[in-house]
Amino acid sequence: MSESGESCESELSAEAVTLVQNRKSQFVKLNVGGFLFQTTIATLTKVDCMFRGMFSGGFEVQKDPEGWILIDRNGKHFQKILDFLEKPPKTLSLNDKEIEELMTESIYYSMEKLTVQCESELKIRAENKKCALITSTKESTSFIIQNSFKPVVKLYISQTTLLDKFNVIHDVFTQVANLHRNVDLFDKLCSTSNGRIVCIKNVDRNETHCDWTFYQPHGKLVDFIDCVTVTPQIKVSFPEGQIYEKVLKLVANRK
């Protein structure tokens, strides 16, 4: 036990703490907003935080009739506080809202290292979301796909006009409309993926293309959809349901 831990134990009021004989430390009972926890003084005072002041006589400790130390905070994330004191995790397996809540608690308990980790994690996630959309040439696409740690969805689309490729005018408008629908769906996927996938748009000005390719992290090809057929005229389809199904499967199977 650290020198500070020994000092805390010697100055701790017996009325505020349930003492349990142990070769290494004494146990305390904590009631954090109705959530009950038992841990050691050594754990709570391992780092410089509010608990060092609490158990060194820095301020008065309140307890209920059963001897539980009362902490007027929401106890939802207190176990994560204890886990961090025991062994700080390399990454936080929480969603953004939970990390924000945990950061609020870390500020209250004066746990500076945990506060910094929460801030860093939120910043990294925000940057990842900003980088979800990549418009790339064919030359750089392969490098991006092979080195991505996330699943990749690629749309290969042509900007060439279709007006000279059809004999029937209503067919022209149908095919052009379907091209635009594919592009609109790609843009929608980029804006709603929340950084879970990398979206790449390749543009070809020479021939008519409209196809989707789906990759697992590090470039493993898993699915392909070609939206252009020639029978004998060029036709462009918009298989919205099929595209959504493959994207959802790609995200669900991410390891």
C-alpha atoms as a PDB file:
ATOM      1  CA  MET A   1       0.000   0.000   0.000  1.00  0.00           C
ATOM      2  CA  SER A   2       1.167   3.503  -0.763  1.00  0.00           C
ATOM      3  CA  GLU A   3       2.301   5.844   1.977  1.00  0.00           C
ATOM      4  CA  SER A   4      -0.692   8.071   1.261  1.00  0.00           C
ATOM      5  CA  GLY A   5      -3.015   5.080   1.633  1.00  0.00           C
ATOM      6  CA  GLU A   6      -1.604   4.277   5.083  1.00  0.00           C
ATOM      7  CA  SER A   7      -2.044   7.895   6.167  1.00  0.00           C
ATOM      8  CA  CYS A   8      -5.639   7.878   4.965  1.00  0.00           C
ATOM      9  CA  GLU A   9      -6.479   4.755   6.926  1.00  0.00           C
ATOM     10  CA  SER A  10      -5.009   6.094  10.170  1.00  0.00           C
ATOM     11  CA  GLU A  11      -7.009   9.327   9.965  1.00  0.00           C
ATOM     12  CA  LEU A  12     -10.305   7.812   8.785  1.00  0.00           C
ATOM     13  CA  SER A  13     -13.252   8.089  11.203  1.00  0.00           C
ATOM     14  CA  ALA A  14     -14.429   4.658  12.330  1.00  0.00           C
ATOM     15  CA  GLU A  15     -18.034   5.921  12.375  1.00  0.00           C
ATOM     16  CA  ALA A  16     -18.024   6.683   8.668  1.00  0.00           C
ATOM     17  CA  VAL A  17     -16.510   3.419   7.478  1.00  0.00           C
ATOM     18  CA  THR A  18     -17.292  -0.256   7.852  1.00  0.00           C
ATOM     19  CA  LEU A  19     -13.962  -1.833   8.755  1.00  0.00           C
ATOM     20  CA  VAL A  20     -13.275  -5.310   7.462  1.00  0.00           C
ATOM     21  CA  GLN A  21     -10.023  -6.896   8.542  1.00  0.00           C
ATOM     22  CA  ASN A  22      -7.828  -7.588   5.559  1.00  0.00           C
ATOM     23  CA  ARG A  23      -4.108  -8.097   5.213  1.00  0.00           C
ATOM     24  CA  LYS A  24      -3.813  -5.387   2.586  1.00  0.00           C
ATOM     25  CA  SER A  25      -6.430  -2.741   3.296  1.00  0.00           C
ATOM     26  CA  GLN A  26      -9.755  -1.759   4.819  1.00  0.00           C
ATOM     27  CA  PHE A  27     -13.038  -1.894   2.982  1.00  0.00           C
ATOM     28  CA  VAL A  28     -15.558   0.919   2.735  1.00  0.00           C
ATOM     29  CA  LYS A  29     -19.224   0.881   1.766  1.00  0.00           C
ATOM     30  CA  LEU A  30     -20.412   3.563  -0.643  1.00  0.00           C
ATOM     31  CA  ASN A  31     -23.969   4.570  -1.528  1.00  0.00           C
ATOM     32  CA  VAL A  32     -23.724   6.528  -4.763  1.00  0.00           C
ATOM     33  CA  GLY A  33     -27.186   7.839  -5.628  1.00  0.00           C
ATOM     34  CA  GLY A  34     -28.788   4.589  -4.485  1.00  0.00           C
ATOM     35  CA  PHE A  35     -26.188   2.316  -6.124  1.00  0.00           C
ATOM     36  CA  LEU A  36     -24.230   0.330  -3.512  1.00  0.00           C
ATOM     37  CA  PHE A  37     -20.507  -0.430  -3.843  1.00  0.00           C
ATOM     38  CA  GLN A  38     -17.842  -1.941  -1.627  1.00  0.00           C
ATOM     39  CA  THR A  39     -14.170  -1.326  -2.311  1.00  0.00           C
ATOM     40  CA  THR A  40     -10.910  -0.624  -0.529  1.00  0.00           C
ATOM     41  CA  ILE A  41      -9.435   2.632   0.633  1.00  0.00           C
ATOM     42  CA  ALA A  42      -6.292   1.695  -1.285  1.00  0.00           C
ATOM     43  CA  THR A  43      -8.255   1.585  -4.559  1.00  0.00           C
ATOM     44  CA  LEU A  44     -10.053   4.878  -3.943  1.00  0.00           C
ATOM     45  CA  THR A  45      -6.844   6.699  -3.027  1.00  0.00           C
ATOM     46  CA  LYS A  46      -4.641   5.165  -5.729  1.00  0.00           C
ATOM     47  CA  VAL A  47      -4.600   8.419  -7.737  1.00  0.00           C
ATOM     48  CA  ASP A  48      -4.839  12.054  -6.740  1.00  0.00           C
ATOM     49  CA  CYS A  49      -8.594  12.702  -6.760  1.00  0.00           C
ATOM     50  CA  MET A  50     -11.515  13.674  -4.540  1.00  0.00           C
ATOM     51  CA  PHE A  51     -11.335  10.442  -2.557  1.00  0.00           C
ATOM     52  CA  ARG A  52      -7.909  11.276  -1.155  1.00  0.00           C
ATOM     53  CA  GLY A  53      -9.385  14.377   0.407  1.00  0.00           C
ATOM     54  CA  MET A  54     -12.432  12.438   1.597  1.00  0.00           C
ATOM     55  CA  PHE A  55     -10.384   9.811   3.432  1.00  0.00           C
ATOM     56  CA  SER A  56      -7.739  12.128   4.827  1.00  0.00           C
ATOM     57  CA  GLY A  57     -10.108  14.282   6.839  1.00  0.00           C
ATOM     58  CA  GLY A  58     -10.241  16.967   4.176  1.00  0.00           C
ATOM     59  CA  PHE A  59     -14.023  17.292   4.523  1.00  0.00           C
ATOM     60  CA  GLU A  60     -16.828  15.722   6.491  1.00  0.00           C
ATOM     61  CA  VAL A  61     -18.156  12.368   5.320  1.00  0.00           C
ATOM     62  CA  GLN A  62     -21.903  11.731   5.511  1.00  0.00           C
ATOM     63  CA  LYS A  63     -23.331   8.274   6.113  1.00  0.00           C
ATOM     64  CA  ASP A  64     -26.732   6.648   6.421  1.00  0.00           C
ATOM     65  CA  PRO A  65     -27.911   4.754   9.551  1.00  0.00           C
ATOM     66  CA  GLU A  66     -26.403   1.503   8.215  1.00  0.00           C
ATOM     67  CA  GLY A  67     -22.969   3.040   7.794  1.00  0.00           C
ATOM     68  CA  TRP A  68     -22.962   3.509   4.030  1.00  0.00           C
ATOM     69  CA  ILE A  69     -21.015   6.598   2.959  1.00  0.00           C
ATOM     70  CA  LEU A  70     -23.361   8.818   0.981  1.00  0.00           C
ATOM     71  CA  ILE A  71     -22.246  10.361  -2.303  1.00  0.00           C
ATOM     72  CA  ASP A  72     -24.868  12.568  -3.928  1.00  0.00           C
ATOM     73  CA  ARG A  73     -24.212  11.584  -7.535  1.00  0.00           C
ATOM     74  CA  ASN A  74     -25.823   9.327 -10.131  1.00  0.00           C
ATOM     75  CA  GLY A  75     -24.223   5.922  -9.592  1.00  0.00           C
ATOM     76  CA  LYS A  76     -24.781   4.745 -13.182  1.00  0.00           C
ATOM     77  CA  HIS A  77     -21.098   5.017 -14.124  1.00  0.00           C
ATOM     78  CA  PHE A  78     -19.481   4.634 -10.712  1.00  0.00           C
ATOM     79  CA  GLN A  79     -18.355   1.061 -11.425  1.00  0.00           C
ATOM     80  CA  LYS A  80     -16.447   2.443 -14.420  1.00  0.00           C
ATOM     81  CA  ILE A  81     -14.827   4.948 -12.037  1.00  0.00           C
ATOM     82  CA  LEU A  82     -13.697   2.079  -9.805  1.00  0.00           C
ATOM     83  CA  ASP A  83     -12.496   0.050 -12.807  1.00  0.00           C
ATOM     84  CA  PHE A  84     -10.424   3.018 -13.974  1.00  0.00           C
ATOM     85  CA  LEU A  85      -8.851   3.368 -10.525  1.00  0.00           C
ATOM     86  CA  GLU A  86      -7.940  -0.323 -10.561  1.00  0.00           C
ATOM     87  CA  LYS A  87      -6.606  -0.435 -14.126  1.00  0.00           C
ATOM     88  CA  PRO A  88      -7.169   2.333 -16.703  1.00  0.00           C
ATOM     89  CA  PRO A  89      -8.491   0.822 -19.976  1.00  0.00           C
ATOM     90  CA  LYS A  90      -6.768   1.546 -23.286  1.00  0.00           C
ATOM     91  CA  THR A  91     -10.080   2.410 -24.946  1.00  0.00           C
ATOM     92  CA  LEU A  92     -13.582   3.166 -23.682  1.00  0.00           C
ATOM     93  CA  SER A  93     -16.161   0.642 -24.920  1.00  0.00           C
ATOM     94  CA  LEU A  94     -19.028   3.107 -24.611  1.00  0.00           C
ATOM     95  CA  ASN A  95     -21.179   5.159 -26.951  1.00  0.00           C
ATOM     96  CA  ASP A  96     -20.686   8.914 -27.255  1.00  0.00           C
ATOM     97  CA  LYS A  97     -23.409   9.819 -24.769  1.00  0.00           C
ATOM     98  CA  GLU A  98     -22.041   7.430 -22.149  1.00  0.00           C
ATOM     99  CA  ILE A  99     -18.540   8.845 -22.564  1.00  0.00           C
ATOM    100  CA  GLU A 100     -19.899  12.372 -22.079  1.00  0.00           C
ATOM    101  CA  GLU A 101     -21.693  11.231 -18.906  1.00  0.00           C
ATOM    102  CA  LEU A 102     -18.569   9.480 -17.632  1.00  0.00           C
ATOM    103  CA  MET A 103     -16.507  12.612 -18.301  1.00  0.00           C
ATOM    104  CA  THR A 104     -18.957  14.666 -16.209  1.00  0.00           C
ATOM    105  CA  GLU A 105     -18.484  12.226 -13.316  1.00  0.00           C
ATOM    106  CA  SER A 106     -14.706  12.230 -13.717  1.00  0.00           C
ATOM    107  CA  ILE A 107     -14.693  16.021 -13.430  1.00  0.00           C
ATOM    108  CA  TYR A 108     -16.756  15.831 -10.244  1.00  0.00           C
ATOM    109  CA  TYR A 109     -14.353  13.280  -8.707  1.00  0.00           C
ATOM    110  CA  SER A 110     -11.327  15.337  -9.873  1.00  0.00           C
ATOM    111  CA  MET A 111      -9.963  12.401 -11.909  1.00  0.00           C
ATOM    112  CA  GLU A 112      -7.918  14.348 -14.440  1.00  0.00           C
ATOM    113  CA  LYS A 113      -6.526  11.361 -16.389  1.00  0.00           C
ATOM    114  CA  LEU A 114      -9.982   9.900 -16.966  1.00  0.00           C
ATOM    115  CA  THR A 115     -11.300  13.311 -18.041  1.00  0.00           C
ATOM    116  CA  VAL A 116      -8.487  13.639 -20.580  1.00  0.00           C
ATOM    117  CA  GLN A 117      -9.136  10.118 -21.915  1.00  0.00           C
ATOM    118  CA  CYS A 118     -12.848  10.868 -22.361  1.00  0.00           C
ATOM    119  CA  GLU A 119     -12.081  14.126 -24.181  1.00  0.00           C
ATOM    120  CA  SER A 120      -9.557  12.398 -26.467  1.00  0.00           C
ATOM    121  CA  GLU A 121     -11.954   9.556 -27.297  1.00  0.00           C
ATOM    122  CA  LEU A 122     -14.757  11.974 -28.203  1.00  0.00           C
ATOM    123  CA  LYS A 123     -12.392  14.043 -30.360  1.00  0.00           C
ATOM    124  CA  ILE A 124     -11.158  10.974 -32.258  1.00  0.00           C
ATOM    125  CA  ARG A 125     -14.717   9.808 -32.891  1.00  0.00           C
ATOM    126  CA  ALA A 126     -15.744  13.244 -34.132  1.00  0.00           C
ATOM    127  CA  GLU A 127     -12.831  13.272 -36.591  1.00  0.00           C
ATOM    128  CA  ASN A 128     -13.734   9.774 -37.814  1.00  0.00           C
ATOM    129  CA  LYS A 129     -17.274  10.910 -38.540  1.00  0.00           C
ATOM    130  CA  LYS A 130     -15.991  13.866 -40.559  1.00  0.00           C
ATOM    131  CA  CYS A 131     -13.855  11.513 -42.680  1.00  0.00           C
ATOM    132  CA  ALA A 132     -16.671   9.141 -43.631  1.00  0.00           C
ATOM    133  CA  LEU A 133     -16.933  10.493 -47.219  1.00  0.00           C
ATOM    134  CA  ILE A 134     -13.997  10.196 -49.601  1.00  0.00           C
ATOM    135  CA  THR A 135     -14.170  11.150 -53.279  1.00  0.00           C
ATOM    136  CA  SER A 136     -11.203   9.512 -54.920  1.00  0.00           C
ATOM    137  CA  THR A 137      -9.561   8.707 -58.239  1.00  0.00           C
ATOM    138  CA  LYS A 138      -9.016   5.076 -59.192  1.00  0.00           C
ATOM    139  CA  GLU A 139      -5.287   5.412 -58.497  1.00  0.00           C
ATOM    140  CA  SER A 140      -5.762   6.157 -54.787  1.00  0.00           C
ATOM    141  CA  THR A 141      -8.838   3.981 -54.213  1.00  0.00           C
ATOM    142  CA  SER A 142      -6.915   0.726 -53.892  1.00  0.00           C
ATOM    143  CA  PHE A 143      -4.580   2.157 -51.238  1.00  0.00           C
ATOM    144  CA  ILE A 144      -7.495   3.518 -49.189  1.00  0.00           C
ATOM    145  CA  ILE A 145      -9.402   0.227 -49.320  1.00  0.00           C
ATOM    146  CA  GLN A 146      -6.412  -1.953 -48.421  1.00  0.00           C
ATOM    147  CA  ASN A 147      -5.455   0.228 -45.441  1.00  0.00           C
ATOM    148  CA  SER A 148      -8.897   0.940 -44.014  1.00  0.00           C
ATOM    149  CA  PHE A 149      -9.651  -0.328 -40.514  1.00  0.00           C
ATOM    150  CA  LYS A 150     -13.360   0.053 -41.285  1.00  0.00           C
ATOM    151  CA  PRO A 151     -15.673  -1.550 -43.851  1.00  0.00           C
ATOM    152  CA  VAL A 152     -15.682   0.252 -47.194  1.00  0.00           C
ATOM    153  CA  VAL A 153     -18.564   0.979 -49.566  1.00  0.00           C
ATOM    154  CA  LYS A 154     -17.502   2.160 -53.022  1.00  0.00           C
ATOM    155  CA  LEU A 155     -19.709   3.658 -55.714  1.00  0.00           C
ATOM    156  CA  TYR A 156     -18.219   3.703 -59.213  1.00  0.00           C
ATOM    157  CA  ILE A 157     -20.268   6.193 -61.229  1.00  0.00           C
ATOM    158  CA  SER A 158     -20.045   7.810 -64.671  1.00  0.00           C
ATOM    159  CA  GLN A 159     -20.619  11.480 -65.354  1.00  0.00           C
ATOM    160  CA  THR A 160     -21.044  10.876 -69.087  1.00  0.00           C
ATOM    161  CA  THR A 161     -24.422  11.984 -70.431  1.00  0.00           C
ATOM    162  CA  LEU A 162     -26.743   9.200 -71.556  1.00  0.00           C
ATOM    163  CA  LEU A 163     -28.691  11.297 -74.058  1.00  0.00           C
ATOM    164  CA  ASP A 164     -26.812   9.896 -77.058  1.00  0.00           C
ATOM    165  CA  LYS A 165     -27.174   6.283 -75.939  1.00  0.00           C
ATOM    166  CA  PHE A 166     -30.948   5.884 -76.204  1.00  0.00           C
ATOM    167  CA  ASN A 167     -33.424   5.917 -79.020  1.00  0.00           C
ATOM    168  CA  VAL A 168     -36.535   6.408 -76.907  1.00  0.00           C
ATOM    169  CA  ILE A 169     -36.668   9.669 -74.979  1.00  0.00           C
ATOM    170  CA  HIS A 170     -38.617   8.378 -71.954  1.00  0.00           C
ATOM    171  CA  ASP A 171     -35.986   5.660 -71.498  1.00  0.00           C
ATOM    172  CA  VAL A 172     -33.306   8.343 -71.338  1.00  0.00           C
ATOM    173  CA  PHE A 173     -34.983  10.129 -68.454  1.00  0.00           C
ATOM    174  CA  THR A 174     -35.571   6.865 -66.584  1.00  0.00           C
ATOM    175  CA  GLN A 175     -31.927   5.849 -66.774  1.00  0.00           C
ATOM    176  CA  VAL A 176     -30.619   9.318 -65.832  1.00  0.00           C
ATOM    177  CA  ALA A 177     -33.041   9.425 -62.902  1.00  0.00           C
ATOM    178  CA  ASN A 178     -31.775   6.053 -61.668  1.00  0.00           C
ATOM    179  CA  LEU A 179     -28.185   7.263 -61.877  1.00  0.00           C
ATOM    180  CA  HIS A 180     -29.095  10.217 -59.681  1.00  0.00           C
ATOM    181  CA  ARG A 181     -30.957   7.950 -57.252  1.00  0.00           C
ATOM    182  CA  ASN A 182     -27.843   5.841 -56.776  1.00  0.00           C
ATOM    183  CA  VAL A 183     -25.749   8.951 -56.103  1.00  0.00           C
ATOM    184  CA  ASP A 184     -28.343  10.311 -53.669  1.00  0.00           C
ATOM    185  CA  LEU A 185     -28.366   6.999 -51.785  1.00  0.00           C
ATOM    186  CA  PHE A 186     -24.571   7.036 -51.569  1.00  0.00           C
ATOM    187  CA  ASP A 187     -24.633  10.563 -50.118  1.00  0.00           C
ATOM    188  CA  LYS A 188     -27.304   9.507 -47.618  1.00  0.00           C
ATOM    189  CA  LEU A 189     -25.229   6.525 -46.475  1.00  0.00           C
ATOM    190  CA  CYS A 190     -22.242   8.814 -45.946  1.00  0.00           C
ATOM    191  CA  SER A 191     -24.208  11.257 -43.811  1.00  0.00           C
ATOM    192  CA  THR A 192     -25.885   8.596 -41.657  1.00  0.00           C
ATOM    193  CA  SER A 193     -23.075   6.053 -41.167  1.00  0.00           C
ATOM    194  CA  ASN A 194     -21.676   7.895 -38.103  1.00  0.00           C
ATOM    195  CA  GLY A 195     -18.146   6.975 -39.085  1.00  0.00           C
ATOM    196  CA  ARG A 196     -18.797   3.219 -39.061  1.00  0.00           C
ATOM    197  CA  ILE A 197     -17.926   2.812 -42.754  1.00  0.00           C
ATOM    198  CA  VAL A 198     -15.670   4.543 -45.274  1.00  0.00           C
ATOM    199  CA  CYS A 199     -17.579   5.689 -48.370  1.00  0.00           C
ATOM    200  CA  ILE A 200     -15.605   6.112 -51.606  1.00  0.00           C
ATOM    201  CA  LYS A 201     -16.946   7.589 -54.820  1.00  0.00           C
ATOM    202  CA  ASN A 202     -15.017   6.919 -58.022  1.00  0.00           C
ATOM    203  CA  VAL A 203     -15.900   9.011 -61.075  1.00  0.00           C
ATOM    204  CA  ASP A 204     -15.330   7.953 -64.696  1.00  0.00           C
ATOM    205  CA  ARG A 205     -15.958  10.446 -67.510  1.00  0.00           C
ATOM    206  CA  ASN A 206     -15.423   8.074 -70.417  1.00  0.00           C
ATOM    207  CA  GLU A 207     -17.913   5.205 -70.149  1.00  0.00           C
ATOM    208  CA  THR A 208     -21.227   4.582 -68.447  1.00  0.00           C
ATOM    209  CA  HIS A 209     -20.723   2.996 -65.013  1.00  0.00           C
ATOM    210  CA  CYS A 210     -22.878   2.576 -61.960  1.00  0.00           C
ATOM    211  CA  ASP A 211     -21.797  -0.180 -59.602  1.00  0.00           C
ATOM    212  CA  TRP A 212     -21.400  -0.748 -55.870  1.00  0.00           C
ATOM    213  CA  THR A 213     -18.611  -2.728 -54.207  1.00  0.00           C
ATOM    214  CA  PHE A 214     -18.514  -3.753 -50.545  1.00  0.00           C
ATOM    215  CA  TYR A 215     -15.344  -4.527 -48.599  1.00  0.00           C
ATOM    216  CA  GLN A 216     -14.558  -5.714 -45.098  1.00  0.00           C
ATOM    217  CA  PRO A 217     -11.673  -3.946 -43.274  1.00  0.00           C
ATOM    218  CA  HIS A 218      -8.296  -4.208 -45.043  1.00  0.00           C
ATOM    219  CA  GLY A 219      -9.800  -4.740 -48.461  1.00  0.00           C
ATOM    220  CA  LYS A 220     -11.564  -8.123 -48.367  1.00  0.00           C
ATOM    221  CA  LEU A 221     -14.164  -8.050 -51.168  1.00  0.00           C
ATOM    222  CA  VAL A 222     -17.522  -9.406 -49.981  1.00  0.00           C
ATOM    223  CA  ASP A 223     -20.212  -8.129 -52.401  1.00  0.00           C
ATOM    224  CA  PHE A 224     -20.736  -6.398 -55.741  1.00  0.00           C
ATOM    225  CA  ILE A 225     -23.786  -4.881 -57.466  1.00  0.00           C
ATOM    226  CA  ASP A 226     -23.687  -3.758 -61.111  1.00  0.00           C
ATOM    227  CA  CYS A 227     -26.557  -1.374 -61.826  1.00  0.00           C
ATOM    228  CA  VAL A 228     -25.852  -1.082 -65.586  1.00  0.00           C
ATOM    229  CA  THR A 229     -26.952  -3.644 -68.193  1.00  0.00           C
ATOM    230  CA  VAL A 230     -26.953  -3.574 -72.005  1.00  0.00           C
ATOM    231  CA  THR A 231     -29.941  -5.451 -73.575  1.00  0.00           C
ATOM    232  CA  PRO A 232     -29.189  -4.048 -76.249  1.00  0.00           C
ATOM    233  CA  GLN A 233     -29.718  -0.556 -74.885  1.00  0.00           C
ATOM    234  CA  ILE A 234     -28.070   0.655 -71.714  1.00  0.00           C
ATOM    235  CA  LYS A 235     -30.305   0.374 -68.665  1.00  0.00           C
ATOM    236  CA  VAL A 236     -29.584   1.644 -65.151  1.00  0.00           C
ATOM    237  CA  SER A 237     -31.298   0.062 -62.152  1.00  0.00           C
ATOM    238  CA  PHE A 238     -31.716   1.356 -58.629  1.00  0.00           C
ATOM    239  CA  PRO A 239     -31.721  -1.696 -56.285  1.00  0.00           C
ATOM    240  CA  GLU A 240     -32.170   0.352 -53.107  1.00  0.00           C
ATOM    241  CA  GLY A 241     -33.266  -2.547 -50.901  1.00  0.00           C
ATOM    242  CA  GLN A 242     -30.394  -4.761 -52.034  1.00  0.00           C
ATOM    243  CA  ILE A 243     -27.854  -1.999 -51.380  1.00  0.00           C
ATOM    244  CA  TYR A 244     -29.190  -1.333 -47.875  1.00  0.00           C
ATOM    245  CA  GLU A 245     -29.169  -5.054 -47.106  1.00  0.00           C
ATOM    246  CA  LYS A 246     -25.515  -5.429 -48.079  1.00  0.00           C
ATOM    247  CA  VAL A 247     -24.462  -2.303 -46.137  1.00  0.00           C
ATOM    248  CA  LEU A 248     -26.240  -3.519 -42.992  1.00  0.00           C
ATOM    249  CA  LYS A 249     -24.677  -6.955 -43.381  1.00  0.00           C
ATOM    250  CA  LEU A 250     -21.256  -5.359 -43.809  1.00  0.00           C
ATOM    251  CA  VAL A 251     -21.612  -3.305 -40.616  1.00  0.00           C
ATOM    252  CA  ALA A 252     -23.096  -6.202 -38.623  1.00  0.00           C
ATOM    253  CA  ASN A 253     -20.235  -8.523 -39.573  1.00  0.00           C
ATOM    254  CA  ARG A 254     -17.513  -6.014 -38.698  1.00  0.00           C
ATOM    255  CA  LYS A 255     -15.031  -7.558 -36.284  1.00  0.00           C
END
